[in-house]
Amino acid sequence: MKNVIVIILMIVTVIGNSKVVKAQNKNKERDAITVKVDGLGCPFCAYGLEKKFKELKVVKDVKIELETGIFTFTYPAADTIGIEKIKAQVDKAGYTPVQVDIVRADGSIETSVEDTATENVVEANASEQIFVAGNCGMCKARIEKAAKDMEGVNEANWDKKTQILQVDFDNNLVSTDSIATIVATAGHDTNTAKANDAVYEDLPGCCHYDRVK
């Protein structure tokens, strides 16, 4: 009888230990995330993006390639981070998530390519150039985001060398003056609208361009 009890206790112990090991292994499993980010232009940009994601505490293995805009990291599989949350975090950092790929610990893959089809539904009635002061990749991301967030703006591309923002837009919904005003609100001087001094001062150091007089 004693032998039977001992055997039962051994079996229970083995099963219990097995469950503990499985739980520990599950907690160690991590999903691998790759994000194509638009707007990364300098080490300060990379630092800002990494800092925003490290707010999530459990992010590890962070790598950022400035030349390609590829941002990779791992996340605990048990917490199941989703594509929308990743895109939202990139957006909070001031950049545009172009594509998100998640390789789950179980081998499944989730991919999301930014859908730009709706942006092209309305044909642009006008294409204009606006002078916008700025310095770096962070400036580019901020300027373009401010313009693209406006209803009626179909495309916006700012050139660091020329300081020119090329915009395609529906002139029934928006004008170059209103676009310039919104961009200035984001912290960047234009020829027709100036950024608030406090907003300008709050920009990262690498974004402190020479003010338009």
Protein backbone atom coordinates (compact mmCIF):
# COMPACT_ATOMS: atom_id res chain seq x y z
CA MET A 1 0.00 0.00 0.00
CA LYS A 2 2.83 2.35 0.93
CA ASN A 3 4.51 1.60 -2.39
CA VAL A 4 1.34 2.54 -4.27
CA ILE A 5 1.09 5.85 -2.40
CA VAL A 6 4.75 6.59 -3.14
CA ILE A 7 4.24 5.87 -6.83
CA ILE A 8 1.16 8.10 -6.97
CA LEU A 9 3.05 10.94 -5.27
CA MET A 10 5.90 10.54 -7.74
CA ILE A 11 3.50 10.69 -10.68
CA VAL A 12 1.80 13.81 -9.29
CA THR A 13 5.20 15.45 -8.74
CA VAL A 14 6.35 14.65 -12.28
CA ILE A 15 3.12 16.02 -13.78
CA GLY A 16 3.37 19.14 -11.63
CA ASN A 17 6.98 19.73 -12.60
CA SER A 18 6.10 19.21 -16.26
CA LYS A 19 3.39 21.89 -16.06
CA VAL A 20 5.80 24.30 -14.40
CA VAL A 21 8.41 23.73 -17.12
CA LYS A 22 5.81 24.24 -19.85
CA ALA A 23 4.63 27.46 -18.22
CA GLN A 24 8.21 28.70 -17.92
CA ASN A 25 8.92 27.86 -21.55
CA LYS A 26 5.76 29.61 -22.65
CA ASN A 27 6.76 32.73 -20.75
CA LYS A 28 10.14 32.69 -22.53
CA GLU A 29 8.56 32.47 -26.00
CA ARG A 30 8.65 35.76 -27.92
CA ASP A 31 7.08 37.08 -31.09
CA ALA A 32 9.43 38.72 -33.63
CA ILE A 33 8.20 42.03 -35.05
CA THR A 34 9.50 43.90 -38.10
CA VAL A 35 8.23 47.39 -38.91
CA LYS A 36 9.03 49.46 -42.02
CA VAL A 37 9.01 53.04 -40.72
CA ASP A 38 8.88 56.18 -42.86
CA GLY A 39 10.66 59.29 -41.57
CA LEU A 40 13.75 57.94 -39.81
CA GLY A 41 16.67 60.12 -40.79
CA CYS A 42 19.18 60.39 -37.95
CA PRO A 43 20.33 58.65 -34.74
CA PHE A 44 18.13 60.99 -32.72
CA CYS A 45 15.13 59.76 -34.73
CA ALA A 46 16.05 56.17 -33.92
CA TYR A 47 16.44 57.02 -30.24
CA GLY A 48 13.01 58.65 -30.14
CA LEU A 49 11.35 55.62 -31.74
CA GLU A 50 13.15 53.15 -29.47
CA LYS A 51 12.28 55.20 -26.38
CA LYS A 52 8.58 55.23 -27.29
CA PHE A 53 8.49 51.44 -27.64
CA LYS A 54 10.47 50.83 -24.47
CA GLU A 55 7.57 52.49 -22.64
CA LEU A 56 5.91 49.10 -23.13
CA LYS A 57 8.56 47.69 -20.71
CA VAL A 58 8.67 44.16 -22.17
CA VAL A 59 10.16 45.06 -25.55
CA LYS A 60 13.58 43.49 -26.16
CA ASP A 61 16.15 42.94 -28.94
CA VAL A 62 15.56 46.37 -30.49
CA LYS A 63 17.39 47.06 -33.76
CA ILE A 64 16.92 50.04 -36.10
CA GLU A 65 18.42 50.42 -39.58
CA LEU A 66 18.37 54.11 -40.50
CA GLU A 67 19.17 53.51 -44.17
CA THR A 68 16.22 51.21 -44.76
CA GLY A 69 13.86 52.39 -42.01
CA ILE A 70 13.57 48.80 -40.73
CA PHE A 71 12.75 48.54 -37.02
CA THR A 72 12.79 45.11 -35.33
CA PHE A 73 12.12 43.93 -31.80
CA THR A 74 10.71 40.99 -29.85
CA TYR A 75 7.69 40.89 -27.58
CA PRO A 76 6.42 38.23 -25.13
CA ALA A 77 4.18 35.80 -27.00
CA ALA A 78 1.93 35.47 -23.96
CA ASP A 79 1.05 39.17 -24.14
CA THR A 80 0.04 39.00 -27.83
CA ILE A 81 0.77 42.47 -29.16
CA GLY A 82 -1.31 43.32 -32.24
CA ILE A 83 -0.60 45.15 -35.48
CA GLU A 84 -2.84 48.10 -34.60
CA LYS A 85 -1.07 48.65 -31.28
CA ILE A 86 2.32 48.59 -33.00
CA LYS A 87 1.16 51.08 -35.63
CA ALA A 88 -0.30 53.33 -32.93
CA GLN A 89 2.99 53.32 -31.01
CA VAL A 90 4.95 54.26 -34.14
CA ASP A 91 2.45 57.03 -34.77
CA LYS A 92 2.89 58.32 -31.21
CA ALA A 93 6.63 58.56 -31.83
CA GLY A 94 5.89 60.86 -34.77
CA TYR A 95 6.55 58.47 -37.65
CA THR A 96 4.52 56.58 -40.25
CA PRO A 97 4.28 52.76 -40.11
CA VAL A 98 4.43 51.57 -43.73
CA GLN A 99 4.33 47.83 -43.06
CA VAL A 100 4.17 45.60 -39.98
CA ASP A 101 5.17 41.92 -39.98
CA ILE A 102 4.73 39.70 -36.93
CA VAL A 103 6.19 36.20 -36.71
CA ARG A 104 4.44 34.56 -33.78
CA ALA A 105 6.25 32.13 -31.51
CA ASP A 106 4.04 29.33 -32.86
CA GLY A 107 5.26 30.01 -36.41
CA SER A 108 2.19 31.86 -37.70
CA ILE A 109 2.72 35.13 -39.56
CA GLU A 110 0.66 38.33 -39.57
CA THR A 111 1.32 41.08 -42.11
CA SER A 112 -0.20 44.48 -42.67
CA VAL A 113 0.70 46.75 -45.56
CA GLU A 114 -0.51 50.31 -45.12
CA ASP A 115 -3.54 50.65 -47.39
CA THR A 116 -3.06 53.71 -49.55
CA ALA A 117 -5.84 52.91 -51.97
CA THR A 118 -8.35 55.18 -50.24
CA GLU A 119 -5.88 58.07 -50.49
CA ASN A 120 -6.04 57.86 -54.26
CA VAL A 121 -9.82 57.61 -54.58
CA VAL A 122 -10.16 61.37 -54.83
CA GLU A 123 -8.11 62.69 -57.71
CA ALA A 124 -5.94 65.66 -56.79
CA ASN A 125 -7.18 68.87 -58.39
CA ALA A 126 -4.01 70.76 -57.55
CA SER A 127 -0.31 70.20 -57.04
CA GLU A 128 1.62 72.98 -55.32
CA GLN A 129 4.91 73.67 -53.57
CA ILE A 130 5.16 75.25 -50.12
CA PHE A 131 8.36 76.43 -48.46
CA VAL A 132 8.66 74.77 -45.03
CA ALA A 133 11.68 75.24 -42.76
CA GLY A 134 13.20 72.12 -41.21
CA ASN A 135 16.43 70.20 -40.60
CA CYS A 136 16.24 66.42 -40.48
CA GLY A 137 14.33 63.19 -40.89
CA MET A 138 12.24 63.89 -37.81
CA CYS A 139 11.26 67.22 -39.36
CA LYS A 140 10.32 65.46 -42.59
CA ALA A 141 8.11 62.96 -40.77
CA ARG A 142 6.44 65.70 -38.71
CA ILE A 143 5.82 68.04 -41.67
CA GLU A 144 4.45 65.33 -43.95
CA LYS A 145 2.24 63.88 -41.23
CA ALA A 146 0.74 67.29 -40.43
CA ALA A 147 -0.13 67.83 -44.09
CA LYS A 148 -1.38 64.29 -44.78
CA ASP A 149 -3.67 64.35 -41.75
CA MET A 150 -5.69 67.11 -43.40
CA GLU A 151 -8.84 66.11 -45.25
CA GLY A 152 -8.33 66.65 -48.95
CA VAL A 153 -4.55 66.22 -48.99
CA ASN A 154 -3.69 63.18 -51.08
CA GLU A 155 0.10 63.30 -51.00
CA ALA A 156 2.81 65.31 -49.25
CA ASN A 157 6.57 65.07 -49.69
CA TRP A 158 9.08 67.42 -48.05
CA ASP A 159 12.62 67.72 -49.39
CA LYS A 160 15.33 68.41 -46.81
CA LYS A 161 17.70 70.09 -49.29
CA THR A 162 15.24 72.43 -50.97
CA GLN A 163 12.96 72.90 -47.93
CA ILE A 164 10.04 72.47 -50.32
CA LEU A 165 6.86 70.58 -49.43
CA GLN A 166 5.22 69.17 -52.56
CA VAL A 167 1.50 68.64 -51.95
CA ASP A 168 -1.25 67.13 -54.09
CA PHE A 169 -4.71 68.07 -52.85
CA ASP A 170 -8.37 68.61 -53.59
CA ASN A 171 -8.70 72.39 -53.79
CA ASN A 172 -12.38 72.11 -53.01
CA LEU A 173 -11.49 70.92 -49.51
CA VAL A 174 -8.16 72.54 -48.69
CA SER A 175 -5.81 75.34 -49.80
CA THR A 176 -2.07 75.96 -49.70
CA ASP A 177 -2.62 78.61 -47.01
CA SER A 178 -4.51 76.19 -44.76
CA ILE A 179 -1.85 73.52 -45.29
CA ALA A 180 0.88 76.03 -44.40
CA THR A 181 -1.04 77.01 -41.27
CA ILE A 182 -1.36 73.39 -40.09
CA VAL A 183 2.32 72.71 -40.75
CA ALA A 184 3.22 75.83 -38.76
CA THR A 185 1.03 74.58 -35.92
CA ALA A 186 3.21 71.45 -35.87
CA GLY A 187 6.27 73.65 -35.27
CA HIS A 188 7.61 74.56 -38.73
CA ASP A 189 7.77 78.04 -40.25
CA THR A 190 6.48 78.66 -43.76
CA ASN A 191 6.47 81.84 -45.84
CA THR A 192 2.85 82.53 -44.93
CA ALA A 193 2.53 81.12 -41.40
CA LYS A 194 4.98 81.02 -38.49
CA ALA A 195 5.24 78.43 -35.74
CA ASN A 196 4.44 79.41 -32.18
CA ASP A 197 7.69 80.13 -30.29
CA ALA A 198 6.83 77.68 -27.50
CA VAL A 199 6.04 74.91 -29.99
CA TYR A 200 9.32 75.55 -31.80
CA GLU A 201 11.31 75.40 -28.55
CA ASP A 202 9.67 72.06 -27.67
CA LEU A 203 11.01 70.45 -30.84
CA PRO A 204 13.99 68.05 -30.42
CA GLY A 205 17.37 69.75 -30.65
CA CYS A 206 18.14 68.40 -34.10
CA CYS A 207 14.93 69.99 -35.39
CA HIS A 208 15.83 73.56 -34.37
CA TYR A 209 16.07 75.06 -37.86
CA ASP A 210 16.84 78.72 -38.59
CA ARG A 211 13.58 80.62 -38.08
CA VAL A 212 11.95 82.34 -41.05
CA LYS A 213 12.06 86.12 -40.63
